[in-house]
Protein backbone atom coordinates (compact mmCIF):
# COMPACT_ATOMS: atom_id res chain seq x y z
CA MET A 1 22.32 95.95 97.53
CA THR A 2 25.89 94.77 97.43
CA ALA A 3 27.32 92.43 100.06
CA HIS A 4 30.00 94.84 101.29
CA ARG A 5 30.52 96.15 104.79
CA GLN A 6 29.05 99.43 103.53
CA PRO A 7 26.23 98.17 101.25
CA ARG A 8 25.79 100.04 98.01
CA LEU A 9 22.82 100.20 95.68
CA ARG A 10 23.18 98.24 92.47
CA VAL A 11 21.05 97.26 89.51
CA ALA A 12 19.56 93.78 89.84
CA PRO A 13 20.73 91.21 87.26
CA GLU A 14 17.12 90.41 86.30
CA VAL A 15 16.57 94.03 85.33
CA VAL A 16 19.68 94.00 83.16
CA GLN A 17 18.39 90.87 81.41
CA ARG A 18 15.07 92.60 80.75
CA LEU A 19 16.87 95.58 79.25
CA ARG A 20 18.97 93.31 77.04
CA LYS A 21 15.80 91.59 75.84
CA ALA A 22 14.20 94.93 74.97
CA LEU A 23 17.38 96.06 73.20
CA ARG A 24 17.51 92.79 71.26
CA GLU A 25 14.06 93.57 69.86
CA ILE A 26 15.20 97.04 68.80
CA PHE A 27 18.36 95.67 67.18
CA ARG A 28 16.42 92.94 65.39
CA SER A 29 14.11 95.51 63.85
CA GLY A 30 17.09 97.73 63.01
CA ARG A 31 18.84 95.45 60.57
CA GLY A 32 17.46 97.23 57.52
CA ARG A 33 17.88 100.71 58.92
CA SER A 34 20.75 103.14 59.09
CA LEU A 35 22.82 103.32 62.24
CA THR A 36 21.58 106.82 63.06
CA THR A 37 17.97 105.63 62.91
CA VAL A 38 18.71 102.75 65.28
CA ILE A 39 20.51 105.12 67.67
CA ASP A 40 17.56 107.54 67.57
CA ILE A 41 15.24 104.67 68.54
CA LEU A 42 17.60 103.58 71.33
CA ALA A 43 18.09 107.04 72.86
CA PRO A 44 14.81 107.42 74.81
CA LYS A 45 15.02 103.87 76.16
CA LEU A 46 18.60 104.37 77.38
CA ARG A 47 17.94 107.81 78.85
CA GLY A 48 14.90 106.54 80.71
CA TRP A 49 16.77 103.51 82.01
CA ALA A 50 19.67 105.68 83.22
CA ASN A 51 17.31 108.13 84.91
CA TYR A 52 15.40 105.33 86.63
CA PHE A 53 18.60 103.77 88.02
CA LYS A 54 20.41 107.01 88.80
CA LEU A 55 20.66 106.11 92.48
CA ALA A 56 22.75 103.01 91.72
CA GLU A 57 26.25 103.35 93.12
CA THR A 58 27.99 100.60 91.14
CA ARG A 59 29.37 101.44 87.71
CA GLY A 60 30.14 97.99 86.33
CA VAL A 61 26.67 97.32 84.92
CA PHE A 62 26.62 100.62 83.06
CA GLU A 63 30.13 100.11 81.61
CA GLU A 64 29.19 96.60 80.50
CA MET A 65 25.96 97.77 78.84
CA ASP A 66 27.77 100.58 77.02
CA GLY A 67 30.28 98.10 75.61
CA TYR A 68 27.48 95.70 74.66
CA LEU A 69 25.58 98.46 72.83
CA ARG A 70 28.61 99.56 70.82
CA ARG A 71 29.43 95.96 69.92
CA LYS A 72 25.86 95.31 68.74
CA LEU A 73 26.00 98.45 66.58
CA ARG A 74 29.32 97.31 65.06
CA CYS A 75 27.67 93.94 64.43
CA ILE A 76 24.81 95.64 62.56
CA LEU A 77 27.36 97.47 60.40
CA TRP A 78 29.26 94.27 59.64
CA ARG A 79 26.04 92.54 58.57
CA GLN A 80 24.94 95.47 56.44
CA TRP A 81 28.19 95.39 54.49
CA LYS A 82 27.57 91.73 53.43
CA ARG A 83 30.35 91.31 50.85
CA SER A 84 34.09 91.02 51.57
CA TYR A 85 34.85 93.74 49.05
CA THR A 86 32.47 96.17 50.77
CA ARG A 87 33.85 95.29 54.20
CA ALA A 88 37.43 95.87 53.11
CA ARG A 89 36.55 99.13 51.36
CA LYS A 90 34.63 100.49 54.36
CA LEU A 91 37.41 99.52 56.78
CA MET A 92 39.96 101.29 54.57
CA GLN A 93 37.72 104.37 54.51
CA ARG A 94 37.75 104.33 58.31
CA GLY A 95 41.58 104.38 58.39
CA LEU A 96 42.74 100.76 58.41
CA GLY A 97 45.62 99.75 56.17
CA GLU A 98 44.83 97.88 52.98
CA GLU A 99 46.41 94.59 54.06
CA ARG A 100 44.76 94.58 57.47
CA ALA A 101 41.39 95.56 56.01
CA TRP A 102 41.49 92.70 53.52
CA ARG A 103 42.62 90.18 56.15
CA SER A 104 39.77 91.32 58.41
CA ALA A 105 37.17 91.31 55.64
CA THR A 106 38.05 87.79 54.52
CA ASN A 107 38.74 86.15 57.89
CA GLY A 108 35.67 83.89 57.63
CA ARG A 109 34.47 84.59 61.15
CA GLY A 110 30.96 85.63 62.05
CA PRO A 111 29.56 89.13 62.61
CA TRP A 112 29.57 88.90 66.42
CA TRP A 113 33.22 87.88 66.54
CA ASN A 114 34.19 90.61 64.09
CA SER A 115 32.21 93.26 65.96
CA GLY A 116 34.41 92.67 69.01
CA ALA A 117 37.66 92.35 67.10
CA SER A 118 40.38 94.98 67.20
CA HIS A 119 39.92 96.03 63.57
CA MET A 120 36.30 97.09 64.19
CA ASN A 121 37.22 98.74 67.50
CA GLN A 122 39.93 100.72 65.73
CA ALA A 123 37.68 101.65 62.82
CA PHE A 124 34.69 102.53 65.01
CA PRO A 125 35.89 103.75 68.42
CA ARG A 126 33.64 105.07 71.15
CA LYS A 127 34.13 108.61 69.86
CA TYR A 128 32.45 107.63 66.57
CA PHE A 129 29.28 106.48 68.34
CA ASP A 130 29.29 109.55 70.59
CA GLY A 131 29.34 111.65 67.43
CA LEU A 132 26.28 109.81 66.13
CA GLY A 133 24.42 110.62 69.35
CA LEU A 134 24.53 107.26 71.14
CA VAL A 135 23.55 107.76 74.77
CA SER A 136 26.25 106.44 77.09
CA LEU A 137 24.67 105.01 80.24
CA LEU A 138 27.83 105.61 82.26
CA ASP A 139 28.07 109.26 81.16
CA GLN A 140 24.36 109.75 81.95
CA ILE A 141 24.83 108.31 85.45
CA ARG A 142 27.91 110.46 86.08
CA ARG A 143 26.07 113.55 84.88
CA LEU A 144 23.05 112.76 87.09
CA HIS A 145 25.29 112.19 90.12
CA ARG A 146 26.92 115.59 89.60
CA VAL A 147 23.56 117.35 89.42
CA THR A 148 22.17 115.86 92.64
């Protein structure tokens, strides 16, 4: 429950930590797999979690988890590309300019930093992951609230 005058149901922080731990295991095993395979493995877990917490009235946790999931998937892509040449080529294929793609590919920063950077967000927006079938927790919750 929240500490407002009108208390609202929310997801407990401990539960979010447990979900993150479970997702970490899935992502760790997904390093040698394609993105679609990882998303297919994630889908039942995310759908079940959203259905279990459909009575929650706060959206912040779901928005945060959606952003975290997309960033982890971008991180997997960045690691799979390995070489600067591959990174630049793939970023150019996704619509970035040549100069920006090369600056991004050779910036020397780690995969987690790059997965949250603007060049990866521009190359792989939310719409891209929706097209691959990634389950959005926030969309699931909204859909479930409309039904009930």
